[in-house]
N, C-alpha and C. Protein backbone atom coordinates (compact mmCIF):
# COMPACT_ATOMS: atom_id res chain seq x y z
N MET A 1 55.22 187.44 167.47
CA MET A 1 54.07 187.16 166.62
C MET A 1 54.24 187.88 165.30
N GLN A 2 53.94 187.20 164.23
CA GLN A 2 54.00 187.77 162.88
C GLN A 2 52.80 188.70 162.67
N PRO A 3 53.00 189.94 162.24
CA PRO A 3 51.87 190.84 162.04
C PRO A 3 51.02 190.40 160.85
N LEU A 4 49.72 190.67 160.94
CA LEU A 4 48.82 190.45 159.82
C LEU A 4 49.02 191.58 158.83
N THR A 5 48.93 191.27 157.54
CA THR A 5 49.10 192.27 156.50
C THR A 5 47.79 192.38 155.72
N PHE A 6 47.31 193.58 155.52
CA PHE A 6 46.05 193.80 154.82
C PHE A 6 46.28 194.54 153.52
N LYS A 7 46.21 193.80 152.43
CA LYS A 7 46.37 194.41 151.11
C LYS A 7 45.04 194.86 150.54
N GLN A 8 43.91 194.31 151.08
CA GLN A 8 42.61 194.66 150.53
C GLN A 8 42.15 196.06 150.93
N VAL A 9 42.80 196.67 151.90
CA VAL A 9 42.47 198.05 152.27
C VAL A 9 43.16 198.97 151.28
N ASN A 10 42.37 199.74 150.54
CA ASN A 10 42.99 200.58 149.51
C ASN A 10 43.81 201.70 150.14
N GLN A 11 44.69 202.23 149.35
CA GLN A 11 45.65 203.23 149.84
C GLN A 11 44.96 204.46 150.41
N ALA A 12 43.85 204.86 149.83
CA ALA A 12 43.15 206.06 150.30
C ALA A 12 42.56 205.86 151.69
N ASP A 13 42.12 204.64 152.02
CA ASP A 13 41.48 204.36 153.30
C ASP A 13 42.46 203.89 154.37
N ARG A 14 43.63 203.48 153.96
CA ARG A 14 44.59 202.86 154.88
C ARG A 14 44.93 203.77 156.06
N TRP A 15 45.12 205.04 155.83
CA TRP A 15 45.48 205.95 156.91
C TRP A 15 44.34 206.07 157.93
N GLN A 16 43.08 206.12 157.45
CA GLN A 16 41.94 206.18 158.36
C GLN A 16 41.83 204.90 159.18
N VAL A 17 42.06 203.74 158.56
CA VAL A 17 42.04 202.47 159.28
C VAL A 17 43.14 202.49 160.34
N TYR A 18 44.31 202.91 159.95
CA TYR A 18 45.44 202.99 160.87
C TYR A 18 45.09 203.88 162.08
N GLN A 19 44.54 205.05 161.84
CA GLN A 19 44.19 205.96 162.93
C GLN A 19 43.16 205.34 163.86
N ARG A 20 42.16 204.66 163.29
CA ARG A 20 41.13 204.04 164.13
C ARG A 20 41.73 202.93 164.99
N LEU A 21 42.60 202.12 164.40
CA LEU A 21 43.24 201.05 165.17
C LEU A 21 44.10 201.63 166.28
N GLN A 22 44.77 202.75 166.02
CA GLN A 22 45.55 203.42 167.05
C GLN A 22 44.64 203.88 168.20
N GLU A 23 43.47 204.42 167.87
CA GLU A 23 42.50 204.84 168.88
C GLU A 23 42.06 203.67 169.75
N LEU A 24 42.00 202.48 169.16
CA LEU A 24 41.59 201.27 169.88
C LEU A 24 42.76 200.60 170.60
N ASP A 25 43.93 201.21 170.56
CA ASP A 25 45.16 200.67 171.16
C ASP A 25 45.55 199.32 170.57
N ILE A 26 45.38 199.18 169.26
CA ILE A 26 45.80 197.98 168.54
C ILE A 26 47.09 198.32 167.82
N ALA A 27 48.14 197.54 168.10
CA ALA A 27 49.46 197.79 167.50
C ALA A 27 49.39 197.61 165.99
N CYS A 28 49.80 198.63 165.24
CA CYS A 28 49.78 198.55 163.79
C CYS A 28 50.85 199.47 163.21
N GLU A 29 51.13 199.25 161.93
CA GLU A 29 52.15 200.00 161.22
C GLU A 29 51.62 200.36 159.84
N CYS A 30 51.82 201.61 159.45
CA CYS A 30 51.34 202.08 158.16
C CYS A 30 52.48 202.86 157.49
N SER A 31 53.11 202.27 156.50
CA SER A 31 54.21 202.91 155.78
C SER A 31 53.76 203.27 154.37
N ILE A 32 54.39 204.26 153.80
CA ILE A 32 54.07 204.69 152.44
C ILE A 32 54.29 203.55 151.46
N ASN A 33 53.29 203.33 150.59
CA ASN A 33 53.33 202.30 149.54
C ASN A 33 53.56 200.89 150.08
N GLN A 34 53.12 200.64 151.31
CA GLN A 34 53.21 199.31 151.92
C GLN A 34 51.84 198.95 152.48
N PRO A 35 51.54 197.65 152.57
CA PRO A 35 50.26 197.27 153.18
C PRO A 35 50.24 197.59 154.67
N LEU A 36 49.06 197.75 155.21
CA LEU A 36 48.87 197.97 156.63
C LEU A 36 49.24 196.69 157.38
N LYS A 37 50.04 196.80 158.44
CA LYS A 37 50.43 195.65 159.25
C LYS A 37 49.85 195.82 160.65
N VAL A 38 49.27 194.72 161.18
CA VAL A 38 48.58 194.78 162.46
C VAL A 38 49.00 193.60 163.32
N ASP A 39 49.29 193.85 164.61
CA ASP A 39 49.57 192.80 165.60
C ASP A 39 48.32 192.62 166.46
N ILE A 40 47.82 191.39 166.51
CA ILE A 40 46.63 191.08 167.30
C ILE A 40 47.05 190.18 168.45
N HIS A 41 46.67 190.59 169.68
CA HIS A 41 47.08 189.83 170.86
C HIS A 41 45.91 189.37 171.72
N SER A 42 44.67 189.59 171.26
CA SER A 42 43.51 189.15 172.04
C SER A 42 42.32 188.93 171.11
N PRO A 43 41.36 188.12 171.55
CA PRO A 43 40.14 187.94 170.75
C PRO A 43 39.38 189.26 170.55
N THR A 44 39.37 190.11 171.57
CA THR A 44 38.68 191.40 171.45
C THR A 44 39.32 192.25 170.37
N ALA A 45 40.64 192.28 170.33
CA ALA A 45 41.34 193.05 169.29
C ALA A 45 41.04 192.49 167.91
N ALA A 46 40.92 191.16 167.80
CA ALA A 46 40.61 190.54 166.51
C ALA A 46 39.22 190.95 166.03
N ILE A 47 38.26 190.99 166.95
CA ILE A 47 36.90 191.41 166.58
C ILE A 47 36.88 192.89 166.21
N GLN A 48 37.60 193.71 166.96
CA GLN A 48 37.67 195.14 166.64
C GLN A 48 38.31 195.35 165.27
N LEU A 49 39.37 194.62 164.99
CA LEU A 49 40.03 194.71 163.69
C LEU A 49 39.07 194.33 162.58
N GLN A 50 38.36 193.22 162.76
CA GLN A 50 37.40 192.78 161.75
C GLN A 50 36.36 193.86 161.48
N SER A 51 35.87 194.48 162.53
CA SER A 51 34.87 195.53 162.40
C SER A 51 35.41 196.74 161.64
N VAL A 52 36.61 197.18 161.99
CA VAL A 52 37.21 198.35 161.32
C VAL A 52 37.46 198.05 159.84
N ILE A 53 38.04 196.89 159.56
CA ILE A 53 38.33 196.53 158.16
C ILE A 53 37.03 196.43 157.36
N LYS A 54 36.01 195.84 157.96
CA LYS A 54 34.73 195.69 157.27
C LYS A 54 34.14 197.05 156.90
N GLN A 55 34.29 198.04 157.77
CA GLN A 55 33.74 199.37 157.49
C GLN A 55 34.33 199.97 156.22
N PHE A 56 35.56 199.60 155.90
CA PHE A 56 36.23 200.20 154.74
C PHE A 56 36.26 199.31 153.51
N THR A 57 35.91 198.02 153.66
CA THR A 57 36.00 197.12 152.50
C THR A 57 34.66 196.60 152.02
N ALA A 58 33.65 196.62 152.88
CA ALA A 58 32.34 196.10 152.50
C ALA A 58 31.55 197.17 151.74
N ASP A 59 30.66 196.72 150.88
CA ASP A 59 29.80 197.68 150.20
C ASP A 59 28.63 198.06 151.12
N ARG A 60 27.96 199.13 150.78
CA ARG A 60 26.89 199.66 151.63
C ARG A 60 25.80 198.64 151.95
N PRO A 61 25.27 197.89 150.98
CA PRO A 61 24.23 196.91 151.33
C PRO A 61 24.70 195.87 152.34
N ALA A 62 25.95 195.45 152.25
CA ALA A 62 26.49 194.48 153.22
C ALA A 62 26.58 195.10 154.61
N LEU A 63 26.98 196.36 154.68
CA LEU A 63 27.06 197.04 155.98
C LEU A 63 25.67 197.23 156.60
N VAL A 64 24.69 197.56 155.78
CA VAL A 64 23.32 197.73 156.27
C VAL A 64 22.80 196.39 156.80
N GLU A 65 23.03 195.31 156.05
CA GLU A 65 22.59 193.98 156.49
C GLU A 65 23.25 193.59 157.82
N TRP A 66 24.55 193.84 157.93
CA TRP A 66 25.30 193.53 159.15
C TRP A 66 24.73 194.30 160.33
N LEU A 67 24.45 195.59 160.15
CA LEU A 67 23.89 196.41 161.21
C LEU A 67 22.50 195.92 161.61
N GLU A 68 21.69 195.57 160.63
CA GLU A 68 20.35 195.04 160.92
C GLU A 68 20.43 193.77 161.75
N ARG A 69 21.37 192.87 161.40
CA ARG A 69 21.54 191.63 162.18
C ARG A 69 21.94 191.95 163.61
N CYS A 70 22.81 192.95 163.79
CA CYS A 70 23.25 193.33 165.14
C CYS A 70 22.08 193.86 165.95
N TRP A 71 21.24 194.68 165.33
CA TRP A 71 20.10 195.25 166.04
C TRP A 71 19.11 194.18 166.48
N HIS A 72 18.96 193.14 165.66
CA HIS A 72 17.95 192.12 165.94
C HIS A 72 18.50 190.92 166.71
N SER A 73 19.78 190.89 166.96
CA SER A 73 20.35 189.75 167.69
C SER A 73 20.13 189.91 169.18
N GLU A 74 20.01 188.78 169.85
CA GLU A 74 19.85 188.79 171.30
C GLU A 74 21.16 188.38 171.94
N ILE A 75 21.47 189.01 173.04
CA ILE A 75 22.72 188.69 173.75
C ILE A 75 22.46 187.57 174.72
């Protein structure tokens, strides 16, 4: 499988994203002056990746709105 590459994650946040993905057992690679590369092998990993990336790329109002929707959604 070809890894996904994330250029929108800025260099300062990339290491934190990498560490969080490692904690979630998501295969990823973070090299100096290179974009973050991630291998996704399940729908759950894709959702976790989306959540982690959103935490570092979305602005505060978007994150607050997202959290509000989660609180008010029914399972």
